């Protein structure tokens, strides 16, 4: 039987930055941007400063921070595993890593048929 894969993972670099942001800001959360002002970047916010609604799907958790995306966007990405990484550059205007000369980046890979069959419905 195939192990249930995580829908979202973080690289070591992302986990390190998440630790720094949690130390500076307390509990945080991520929301995958839908592409408006900041492209399709994972955005990081202090918990309580970004309202999660009924149309948001909790994809999982990275570094102790919940990770969400809108249901409409999830419909397009449900066949992929998200891998959150950190690269040089400017972060999203409202994302907590902004001003640190690095930004979060979403990479992805398509689930295998076996992995997809093992995923619980969201």
N, C-alpha and C. Protein backbone atom coordinates (compact mmCIF):
# COMPACT_ATOMS: atom_id res chain seq x y z
N UNK A 1 0.84 -1.19 0.00
CA UNK A 1 0.00 0.00 0.00
C UNK A 1 0.89 1.25 0.00
N UNK A 2 0.48 2.25 -0.74
CA UNK A 2 1.24 3.49 -0.85
C UNK A 2 1.02 4.36 0.38
N UNK A 3 2.11 4.92 0.90
CA UNK A 3 2.03 5.84 2.02
C UNK A 3 1.29 7.10 1.58
N UNK A 4 0.53 7.70 2.48
CA UNK A 4 -0.20 8.93 2.13
C UNK A 4 0.81 10.07 2.01
N UNK A 5 0.92 10.66 0.82
CA UNK A 5 1.88 11.74 0.64
C UNK A 5 1.36 13.05 1.20
N UNK A 6 2.28 13.91 1.59
CA UNK A 6 1.89 15.25 2.03
C UNK A 6 1.50 16.07 0.81
N UNK A 7 0.47 16.89 0.94
CA UNK A 7 0.09 17.77 -0.17
C UNK A 7 1.02 18.97 -0.26
N UNK A 8 1.67 19.31 0.85
CA UNK A 8 2.61 20.43 0.85
C UNK A 8 3.81 20.07 1.72
N UNK A 9 5.00 20.37 1.21
CA UNK A 9 6.26 20.14 1.91
C UNK A 9 7.07 21.43 1.89
N UNK A 10 8.11 21.48 2.71
CA UNK A 10 9.01 22.63 2.71
C UNK A 10 10.45 22.14 2.65
N UNK A 11 11.28 22.85 1.91
CA UNK A 11 12.71 22.53 1.87
C UNK A 11 13.34 22.97 3.19
N UNK A 12 14.59 22.53 3.40
CA UNK A 12 15.32 22.95 4.61
C UNK A 12 15.44 24.47 4.67
N UNK A 13 15.71 25.10 3.53
CA UNK A 13 15.84 26.57 3.51
C UNK A 13 14.52 27.22 3.91
N UNK A 14 13.41 26.70 3.44
CA UNK A 14 12.11 27.25 3.80
C UNK A 14 11.83 27.04 5.29
N UNK A 15 12.17 25.86 5.81
CA UNK A 15 11.96 25.60 7.23
C UNK A 15 12.79 26.54 8.11
N UNK A 16 14.00 26.83 7.69
CA UNK A 16 14.84 27.77 8.44
C UNK A 16 14.21 29.16 8.47
N UNK A 17 13.74 29.63 7.31
CA UNK A 17 13.12 30.96 7.25
C UNK A 17 11.82 30.98 8.04
N UNK A 18 11.06 29.92 7.98
CA UNK A 18 9.82 29.84 8.77
C UNK A 18 10.16 29.96 10.26
N UNK A 19 11.22 29.31 10.71
CA UNK A 19 11.64 29.42 12.11
C UNK A 19 11.98 30.84 12.49
N UNK A 20 12.69 31.55 11.63
CA UNK A 20 13.04 32.95 11.88
C UNK A 20 11.78 33.80 11.96
N UNK A 21 10.86 33.60 11.01
CA UNK A 21 9.63 34.40 10.98
C UNK A 21 8.75 34.11 12.19
N UNK A 22 8.70 32.86 12.62
CA UNK A 22 7.92 32.52 13.82
C UNK A 22 8.54 33.15 15.06
N UNK A 23 9.87 33.19 15.13
CA UNK A 23 10.53 33.81 16.27
C UNK A 23 10.25 35.32 16.31
N UNK A 24 10.19 35.94 15.14
CA UNK A 24 9.95 37.39 15.05
C UNK A 24 8.48 37.77 15.21
N UNK A 25 7.56 36.91 14.73
CA UNK A 25 6.16 37.30 14.62
C UNK A 25 5.19 36.41 15.38
N UNK A 26 5.66 35.34 15.99
CA UNK A 26 4.74 34.41 16.65
C UNK A 26 4.12 33.48 15.63
N UNK A 27 2.95 32.92 15.95
CA UNK A 27 2.31 31.96 15.04
C UNK A 27 2.04 32.59 13.67
N UNK A 28 2.35 31.84 12.62
CA UNK A 28 2.16 32.32 11.25
C UNK A 28 1.34 31.31 10.46
N UNK A 29 0.88 31.74 9.30
CA UNK A 29 0.20 30.84 8.38
C UNK A 29 0.60 31.21 6.96
N UNK A 30 0.37 30.30 6.04
CA UNK A 30 0.62 30.53 4.62
C UNK A 30 -0.67 30.44 3.85
N UNK A 31 -0.75 31.27 2.80
CA UNK A 31 -1.85 31.19 1.85
C UNK A 31 -1.25 31.32 0.46
N UNK A 32 -1.52 30.34 -0.38
CA UNK A 32 -0.99 30.38 -1.75
C UNK A 32 -1.72 31.47 -2.52
N UNK A 33 -1.00 32.48 -2.95
CA UNK A 33 -1.58 33.59 -3.69
C UNK A 33 -2.13 33.08 -5.02
N UNK A 34 -3.24 33.68 -5.42
CA UNK A 34 -3.87 33.31 -6.68
C UNK A 34 -3.37 34.07 -7.87
N UNK A 35 -2.39 34.95 -7.71
CA UNK A 35 -1.80 35.59 -8.86
C UNK A 35 -2.16 37.04 -9.07
N UNK A 36 -2.79 37.69 -8.13
CA UNK A 36 -3.17 39.10 -8.30
C UNK A 36 -1.94 39.99 -8.20
N UNK A 37 -1.71 40.57 -7.06
CA UNK A 37 -0.63 41.55 -6.88
C UNK A 37 0.75 40.92 -6.80
N UNK A 38 0.86 39.75 -6.22
CA UNK A 38 2.17 39.15 -5.97
C UNK A 38 2.38 37.85 -6.75
N UNK A 39 1.72 37.71 -7.87
CA UNK A 39 1.89 36.49 -8.66
C UNK A 39 1.32 35.30 -7.93
N UNK A 40 1.82 34.13 -8.21
CA UNK A 40 1.32 32.93 -7.55
C UNK A 40 2.34 32.47 -6.52
N UNK A 41 2.59 33.30 -5.54
CA UNK A 41 3.58 33.04 -4.50
C UNK A 41 2.91 32.56 -3.22
N UNK A 42 3.62 31.76 -2.43
CA UNK A 42 3.10 31.44 -1.11
C UNK A 42 3.30 32.66 -0.21
N UNK A 43 2.24 33.15 0.35
CA UNK A 43 2.29 34.36 1.18
C UNK A 43 2.24 33.96 2.65
N UNK A 44 3.07 34.59 3.46
CA UNK A 44 3.19 34.28 4.88
C UNK A 44 2.65 35.45 5.70
N UNK A 45 1.76 35.15 6.63
CA UNK A 45 1.12 36.18 7.46
C UNK A 45 1.12 35.77 8.92
N UNK A 46 1.07 36.76 9.83
CA UNK A 46 0.81 36.39 11.23
C UNK A 46 -0.59 35.79 11.32
N UNK A 47 -0.74 34.72 12.12
CA UNK A 47 -2.08 34.16 12.30
C UNK A 47 -2.98 35.23 12.89
N UNK A 48 -4.17 35.32 12.38
CA UNK A 48 -5.13 36.31 12.83
C UNK A 48 -5.15 37.57 11.99
N UNK A 49 -4.13 37.78 11.15
CA UNK A 49 -4.10 38.96 10.28
C UNK A 49 -4.54 38.65 8.85
N UNK A 50 -4.74 37.38 8.55
CA UNK A 50 -5.29 36.98 7.27
C UNK A 50 -6.47 36.08 7.57
N UNK A 51 -7.64 36.48 7.12
CA UNK A 51 -8.83 35.71 7.44
C UNK A 51 -9.00 34.54 6.49
N UNK A 52 -9.08 33.37 7.06
CA UNK A 52 -9.34 32.15 6.30
C UNK A 52 -10.85 32.00 6.21
N UNK A 53 -11.33 31.72 5.01
CA UNK A 53 -12.77 31.61 4.81
C UNK A 53 -13.22 30.22 4.42
N UNK A 54 -14.53 30.07 4.23
CA UNK A 54 -15.10 28.79 3.83
C UNK A 54 -14.59 28.33 2.47
N UNK A 55 -14.12 29.26 1.66
CA UNK A 55 -13.64 28.89 0.32
C UNK A 55 -12.16 28.55 0.30
N UNK A 56 -11.52 28.45 1.48
CA UNK A 56 -10.11 28.09 1.56
C UNK A 56 -9.95 26.64 2.00
N UNK A 57 -8.95 25.97 1.44
CA UNK A 57 -8.66 24.57 1.74
C UNK A 57 -7.35 24.51 2.51
N UNK A 58 -7.35 23.80 3.62
CA UNK A 58 -6.11 23.59 4.36
C UNK A 58 -5.37 22.43 3.71
N UNK A 59 -4.22 22.73 3.12
CA UNK A 59 -3.43 21.75 2.38
C UNK A 59 -2.58 20.89 3.31
N UNK A 60 -2.24 21.46 4.44
CA UNK A 60 -1.36 20.78 5.39
C UNK A 60 -0.66 21.80 6.24
N UNK A 61 0.55 21.44 6.67
CA UNK A 61 1.32 22.29 7.57
C UNK A 61 2.80 22.18 7.20
N UNK A 62 3.50 23.31 7.25
CA UNK A 62 4.95 23.31 7.03
C UNK A 62 5.59 24.09 8.17
N UNK A 63 6.57 23.47 8.81
CA UNK A 63 7.26 24.13 9.91
C UNK A 63 6.34 24.60 11.02
N UNK A 64 5.26 23.89 11.24
CA UNK A 64 4.30 24.27 12.28
C UNK A 64 3.31 25.33 11.87
N UNK A 65 3.35 25.74 10.60
CA UNK A 65 2.44 26.78 10.10
C UNK A 65 1.43 26.16 9.14
N UNK A 66 0.13 26.39 9.36
CA UNK A 66 -0.86 25.86 8.42
C UNK A 66 -0.70 26.51 7.05
N UNK A 67 -1.04 25.74 6.00
CA UNK A 67 -0.90 26.20 4.63
C UNK A 67 -2.25 26.05 3.93
N UNK A 68 -2.75 27.15 3.36
CA UNK A 68 -4.07 27.19 2.73
C UNK A 68 -3.97 27.64 1.28
N UNK A 69 -5.02 27.32 0.54
CA UNK A 69 -5.20 27.87 -0.80
C UNK A 69 -6.70 27.93 -1.07
N UNK A 70 -7.10 28.79 -1.98
CA UNK A 70 -8.53 28.91 -2.28
C UNK A 70 -9.02 27.62 -2.94
N UNK A 71 -10.26 27.29 -2.71
CA UNK A 71 -10.83 26.06 -3.28
C UNK A 71 -10.76 26.08 -4.80
N UNK A 72 -11.02 27.22 -5.42
CA UNK A 72 -10.98 27.28 -6.89
C UNK A 72 -9.56 27.00 -7.40
N UNK A 73 -8.55 27.50 -6.71
CA UNK A 73 -7.17 27.23 -7.11
C UNK A 73 -6.82 25.76 -6.82
N UNK A 74 -7.31 25.24 -5.70
CA UNK A 74 -7.06 23.84 -5.36
C UNK A 74 -7.58 22.92 -6.45
N UNK A 75 -8.71 23.25 -7.06
CA UNK A 75 -9.25 22.41 -8.12
C UNK A 75 -8.26 22.22 -9.26
N UNK A 76 -7.41 23.22 -9.51
CA UNK A 76 -6.39 23.12 -10.55
C UNK A 76 -5.13 22.39 -10.05
N UNK A 77 -4.80 22.54 -8.78
CA UNK A 77 -3.55 22.03 -8.22
C UNK A 77 -3.71 20.72 -7.45
N UNK A 78 -4.90 20.16 -7.38
CA UNK A 78 -5.14 18.99 -6.52
C UNK A 78 -4.35 17.76 -6.92
N UNK A 79 -3.83 17.73 -8.13
CA UNK A 79 -3.06 16.58 -8.60
C UNK A 79 -1.56 16.76 -8.36
N UNK A 80 -1.19 17.84 -7.66
CA UNK A 80 0.23 18.14 -7.47
C UNK A 80 0.59 18.28 -6.00
N UNK A 81 1.83 17.93 -5.70
CA UNK A 81 2.39 18.17 -4.38
C UNK A 81 3.12 19.51 -4.45
N UNK A 82 2.86 20.39 -3.51
CA UNK A 82 3.53 21.68 -3.45
C UNK A 82 4.79 21.56 -2.61
N UNK A 83 5.87 22.11 -3.09
CA UNK A 83 7.14 22.10 -2.37
C UNK A 83 7.55 23.56 -2.20
N UNK A 84 7.49 24.05 -0.97
CA UNK A 84 7.79 25.45 -0.69
C UNK A 84 9.29 25.58 -0.46
N UNK A 85 9.88 26.50 -1.21
CA UNK A 85 11.32 26.70 -1.18
C UNK A 85 11.58 28.18 -0.93
N UNK A 86 12.86 28.54 -0.78
CA UNK A 86 13.29 29.92 -0.62
C UNK A 86 14.33 30.20 -1.69
N UNK A 87 14.19 31.34 -2.36
CA UNK A 87 15.13 31.75 -3.39
C UNK A 87 15.48 33.23 -3.18
N UNK A 88 16.60 33.69 -3.73
CA UNK A 88 16.92 35.12 -3.64
C UNK A 88 15.85 35.95 -4.35
N UNK A 89 15.62 37.15 -3.84
CA UNK A 89 14.66 38.05 -4.48
C UNK A 89 13.79 38.74 -3.46
N UNK A 90 12.87 39.55 -3.97
CA UNK A 90 11.94 40.28 -3.11
C UNK A 90 10.72 39.45 -2.83
N UNK A 91 10.33 39.40 -1.57
CA UNK A 91 9.12 38.70 -1.18
C UNK A 91 7.88 39.47 -1.57
N UNK A 92 6.74 38.82 -1.45
CA UNK A 92 5.47 39.48 -1.73
C UNK A 92 5.30 40.70 -0.85
N UNK A 93 4.65 41.71 -1.38
CA UNK A 93 4.52 42.99 -0.69
C UNK A 93 3.99 42.84 0.73
N UNK A 94 3.05 41.92 0.92
CA UNK A 94 2.43 41.76 2.24
C UNK A 94 2.93 40.54 2.99
N UNK A 95 3.82 39.77 2.39
CA UNK A 95 4.32 38.55 3.02
C UNK A 95 5.44 38.88 3.99
N UNK A 96 5.51 38.16 5.10
CA UNK A 96 6.44 38.48 6.18
C UNK A 96 7.91 38.43 5.80
N UNK A 97 8.27 37.68 4.76
CA UNK A 97 9.69 37.62 4.39
C UNK A 97 10.12 38.84 3.58
N UNK A 98 9.19 39.69 3.21
CA UNK A 98 9.52 40.89 2.43
C UNK A 98 10.57 41.72 3.17
N UNK A 99 11.57 42.20 2.43
CA UNK A 99 12.63 43.02 3.00
C UNK A 99 13.84 42.21 3.47
N UNK A 100 13.82 40.90 3.28
CA UNK A 100 14.93 40.04 3.71
C UNK A 100 15.79 39.58 2.54
N UNK A 101 15.52 40.07 1.34
CA UNK A 101 16.26 39.70 0.12
C UNK A 101 16.11 38.23 -0.26
N UNK A 102 15.10 37.58 0.27
CA UNK A 102 14.73 36.22 -0.13
C UNK A 102 13.21 36.18 -0.21
N UNK A 103 12.72 35.17 -0.91
CA UNK A 103 11.27 35.02 -1.01
C UNK A 103 10.91 33.55 -1.06
N UNK A 104 9.70 33.25 -0.62
CA UNK A 104 9.19 31.90 -0.74
C UNK A 104 8.80 31.66 -2.20
N UNK A 105 8.96 30.43 -2.65
CA UNK A 105 8.62 30.03 -4.01
C UNK A 105 7.94 28.67 -3.96
N UNK A 106 6.89 28.52 -4.72
CA UNK A 106 6.20 27.23 -4.80
C UNK A 106 6.71 26.46 -6.01
N UNK A 107 7.23 25.29 -5.73
CA UNK A 107 7.56 24.33 -6.79
C UNK A 107 6.50 23.24 -6.69
N UNK A 108 6.38 22.43 -7.70
CA UNK A 108 5.38 21.36 -7.62
C UNK A 108 5.81 20.15 -8.43
N UNK A 109 5.18 19.04 -8.11
CA UNK A 109 5.34 17.82 -8.89
C UNK A 109 3.99 17.12 -8.90
N UNK A 110 3.72 16.41 -9.98
CA UNK A 110 2.46 15.70 -10.11
C UNK A 110 2.54 14.41 -9.29
N UNK A 111 1.47 14.14 -8.54
CA UNK A 111 1.39 12.89 -7.79
C UNK A 111 1.36 11.71 -8.76
N UNK A 112 1.94 10.60 -8.34
CA UNK A 112 1.79 9.37 -9.12
C UNK A 112 0.34 8.89 -8.96
N UNK A 113 -0.08 7.96 -9.80
CA UNK A 113 -1.44 7.43 -9.69
C UNK A 113 -1.66 6.79 -8.33
N UNK A 114 -0.67 6.05 -7.83
CA UNK A 114 -0.80 5.40 -6.53
C UNK A 114 -0.90 6.43 -5.40
N UNK A 115 -0.07 7.48 -5.49
CA UNK A 115 -0.12 8.53 -4.46
C UNK A 115 -1.48 9.22 -4.48
N UNK A 116 -1.95 9.55 -5.66
CA UNK A 116 -3.22 10.26 -5.76
C UNK A 116 -4.37 9.40 -5.21
N UNK A 117 -4.32 8.10 -5.46
CA UNK A 117 -5.35 7.20 -4.94
C UNK A 117 -5.30 7.13 -3.43
N UNK A 118 -4.13 7.35 -2.82
CA UNK A 118 -3.98 7.27 -1.36
C UNK A 118 -4.38 8.56 -0.65
N UNK A 119 -4.52 9.66 -1.39
CA UNK A 119 -4.83 10.94 -0.77
C UNK A 119 -6.25 10.98 -0.21
N UNK A 120 -6.40 11.50 1.00
CA UNK A 120 -7.76 11.69 1.52
C UNK A 120 -8.41 12.89 0.82
N UNK A 121 -9.70 12.86 0.70
CA UNK A 121 -10.43 13.99 0.09
C UNK A 121 -10.34 15.20 1.01
N UNK A 122 -10.29 16.36 0.41
CA UNK A 122 -10.32 17.62 1.18
C UNK A 122 -11.62 18.33 0.93
